[in-house]
N, C-alpha and C. Protein backbone atom coordinates (compact mmCIF):
# COMPACT_ATOMS: atom_id res chain seq x y z
N MET A 1 38.11 160.22 97.11
CA MET A 1 37.33 161.75 97.58
C MET A 1 36.56 161.61 98.57
N VAL A 2 36.04 162.14 99.23
CA VAL A 2 34.99 162.50 100.50
C VAL A 2 34.26 163.67 99.84
N ARG A 3 32.83 163.45 99.44
CA ARG A 3 31.51 163.91 99.64
C ARG A 3 31.10 164.41 100.50
N ALA A 4 30.89 166.02 100.37
CA ALA A 4 29.66 166.36 102.02
C ALA A 4 29.03 166.97 101.14
N LYS A 5 27.50 167.15 101.47
CA LYS A 5 26.29 167.97 101.03
C LYS A 5 25.74 168.49 102.16
N GLU A 6 25.69 169.93 101.76
CA GLU A 6 24.57 170.95 102.64
C GLU A 6 23.79 171.41 102.17
N LYS A 7 22.84 171.44 101.89
CA LYS A 7 21.85 172.81 101.72
C LYS A 7 22.71 173.85 100.91
N ARG A 8 23.63 174.69 101.87
CA ARG A 8 23.95 175.61 101.51
C ARG A 8 25.72 175.59 100.45
N ASP A 9 25.48 174.89 100.72
CA ASP A 9 27.00 174.28 100.38
C ASP A 9 27.51 173.07 99.48
N GLU A 10 27.67 172.88 98.66
CA GLU A 10 28.46 171.15 98.10
C GLU A 10 29.78 171.20 97.99
N ARG A 11 30.69 170.07 98.49
CA ARG A 11 32.29 170.92 97.71
C ARG A 11 31.82 169.15 98.19
N ASP A 12 33.53 168.69 96.81
CA ASP A 12 34.30 167.86 96.91
C ASP A 12 36.03 168.23 97.90
N PHE A 13 35.51 166.90 99.23
CA PHE A 13 36.89 167.28 99.44
C PHE A 13 37.86 165.84 99.09
N GLN A 14 39.22 166.22 98.87
CA GLN A 14 40.27 165.40 98.60
C GLN A 14 40.89 164.29 99.69
N THR A 15 40.54 164.40 100.51
CA THR A 15 40.90 163.81 101.93
C THR A 15 40.35 164.05 103.34
N HIS A 16 39.99 162.58 103.86
CA HIS A 16 39.49 163.15 104.72
C HIS A 16 39.98 163.92 105.74
N GLU A 17 40.85 164.27 105.88
CA GLU A 17 41.95 165.73 106.73
C GLU A 17 41.07 166.46 106.36
N GLU A 18 40.97 166.62 105.00
CA GLU A 18 40.21 168.23 104.43
C GLU A 18 38.90 168.35 104.83
N ALA A 19 37.71 167.28 104.54
CA ALA A 19 36.98 167.40 105.11
C ALA A 19 36.48 167.27 106.53
N ARG A 20 37.65 166.67 107.87
CA ARG A 20 37.82 166.89 109.16
C ARG A 20 38.26 168.13 109.31
N ARG A 21 38.97 169.09 108.43
CA ARG A 21 39.48 170.07 108.77
C ARG A 21 37.89 171.67 108.85
N ALA A 22 37.49 170.69 107.72
CA ALA A 22 36.38 172.12 107.30
C ALA A 22 35.08 171.84 108.53
N LEU A 23 34.73 170.28 108.97
CA LEU A 23 33.54 170.36 109.58
C LEU A 23 34.18 170.77 111.33
N PHE A 24 35.77 170.97 111.30
CA PHE A 24 36.07 171.29 112.59
C PHE A 24 35.76 172.77 112.74
N GLU A 25 36.32 173.39 111.30
CA GLU A 25 35.86 175.00 111.09
C GLU A 25 34.37 175.00 111.52
N TYR A 26 33.56 174.07 110.55
CA TYR A 26 32.11 175.47 110.59
C TYR A 26 31.63 175.01 111.98
N ILE A 27 31.74 173.80 112.69
CA ILE A 27 31.57 173.95 114.16
C ILE A 27 31.83 174.38 115.17
N GLU A 28 32.93 175.05 115.08
CA GLU A 28 33.59 176.02 115.89
C GLU A 28 33.62 177.87 115.05
N ALA A 29 33.31 177.93 114.15
CA ALA A 29 33.24 179.20 113.62
C ALA A 29 32.19 179.59 113.55
N TRP A 30 31.03 178.47 113.45
CA TRP A 30 29.95 179.02 113.10
C TRP A 30 29.03 178.41 113.94
N TYR A 31 28.59 176.82 114.13
CA TYR A 31 27.87 176.36 114.66
C TYR A 31 26.90 176.76 116.54
N ASN A 32 28.51 176.72 117.09
CA ASN A 32 29.10 176.84 117.99
C ASN A 32 28.90 178.09 118.74
N ARG A 33 28.96 179.28 117.66
CA ARG A 33 29.17 180.73 117.97
C ARG A 33 27.39 181.32 118.10
N ARG A 34 26.31 180.35 117.32
CA ARG A 34 25.24 180.89 116.63
C ARG A 34 23.96 180.12 117.67
N ARG A 35 24.57 179.15 117.86
CA ARG A 35 23.27 178.08 118.62
C ARG A 35 23.54 178.50 120.16
N SER A 36 21.90 178.47 120.63
CA SER A 36 21.88 178.48 122.14
C SER A 36 22.59 177.74 122.90
N HIS A 37 23.12 178.16 123.79
CA HIS A 37 23.57 177.64 125.63
C HIS A 37 22.71 177.20 126.56
N SER A 38 22.88 176.92 127.19
CA SER A 38 21.64 176.28 128.60
C SER A 38 22.62 177.23 129.30
N ALA A 39 24.15 176.40 129.26
CA ALA A 39 24.72 177.88 129.89
C ALA A 39 24.83 179.22 130.54
N LEU A 40 24.13 179.01 128.70
CA LEU A 40 24.14 180.85 128.88
C LEU A 40 22.69 181.55 129.10
N GLY A 41 21.89 181.05 129.46
CA GLY A 41 20.84 181.07 129.32
C GLY A 41 19.55 181.68 128.67
N ASP A 42 20.18 179.89 127.77
CA ASP A 42 19.67 179.46 126.66
C ASP A 42 19.77 180.46 125.54
N VAL A 43 20.88 181.53 125.32
CA VAL A 43 20.86 182.49 123.91
C VAL A 43 23.08 182.11 123.74
N SER A 44 22.84 182.73 122.28
CA SER A 44 24.18 182.33 121.71
C SER A 44 24.88 183.02 122.08
N PRO A 45 26.53 182.00 121.94
CA PRO A 45 27.06 182.95 122.42
C PRO A 45 27.64 184.17 122.40
N GLU A 46 27.34 184.44 121.27
CA GLU A 46 27.39 185.73 119.90
C GLU A 46 26.39 187.40 120.76
N GLU A 47 24.95 186.28 121.17
CA GLU A 47 24.26 186.78 121.93
C GLU A 47 24.64 187.78 123.43
N TYR A 48 25.17 186.63 123.99
CA TYR A 48 25.78 186.61 125.43
C TYR A 48 26.68 187.86 125.65
N GLU A 49 27.54 187.69 124.09
CA GLU A 49 28.77 188.73 124.70
C GLU A 49 28.05 190.06 124.01
N ARG A 50 27.00 190.64 123.11
CA ARG A 50 26.51 191.53 123.28
C ARG A 50 25.87 192.04 124.32
N ASN A 51 25.24 191.42 124.54
CA ASN A 51 24.51 191.65 126.47
C ASN A 51 25.26 191.82 126.82
N ALA A 52 26.68 190.98 126.74
CA ALA A 52 27.46 191.67 128.04
C ALA A 52 28.03 192.87 128.09
N SER A 53 27.86 193.40 126.66
CA SER A 53 28.83 194.67 126.12
C SER A 53 28.04 195.60 126.30
N THR A 54 26.47 195.76 126.33
CA THR A 54 25.60 196.32 126.61
C THR A 54 25.36 196.52 127.76
N ARG A 55 24.89 195.63 128.79
CA ARG A 55 25.40 195.55 130.52
C ARG A 55 26.98 196.99 130.49
N SER A 56 27.71 196.73 130.34
CA SER A 56 29.43 197.04 130.63
C SER A 56 29.07 199.03 130.32
N ALA A 57 28.41 198.81 129.24
CA ALA A 57 28.30 200.23 128.80
C ALA A 57 27.66 200.93 129.69
N ALA A 58 26.35 200.83 130.09
CA ALA A 58 25.30 201.13 130.62
C ALA A 58 25.88 201.16 132.14
N ALA A 59 26.98 200.72 132.87
CA ALA A 59 27.29 200.67 133.89
C ALA A 59 28.83 201.86 134.50
């Protein structure tokens, strides 16, 4: 059994593959979408997309 502990979520995984998938989903679905990226002017991808939508609507 693999144990993963985080402040907001504590789970037991039956296999390393299950833990790997959960980690991948966390990184791709949450972390990378919300952290700032220097290539985007130090804003998160979500904020960048919001700003782009606002600029497009104003044009």
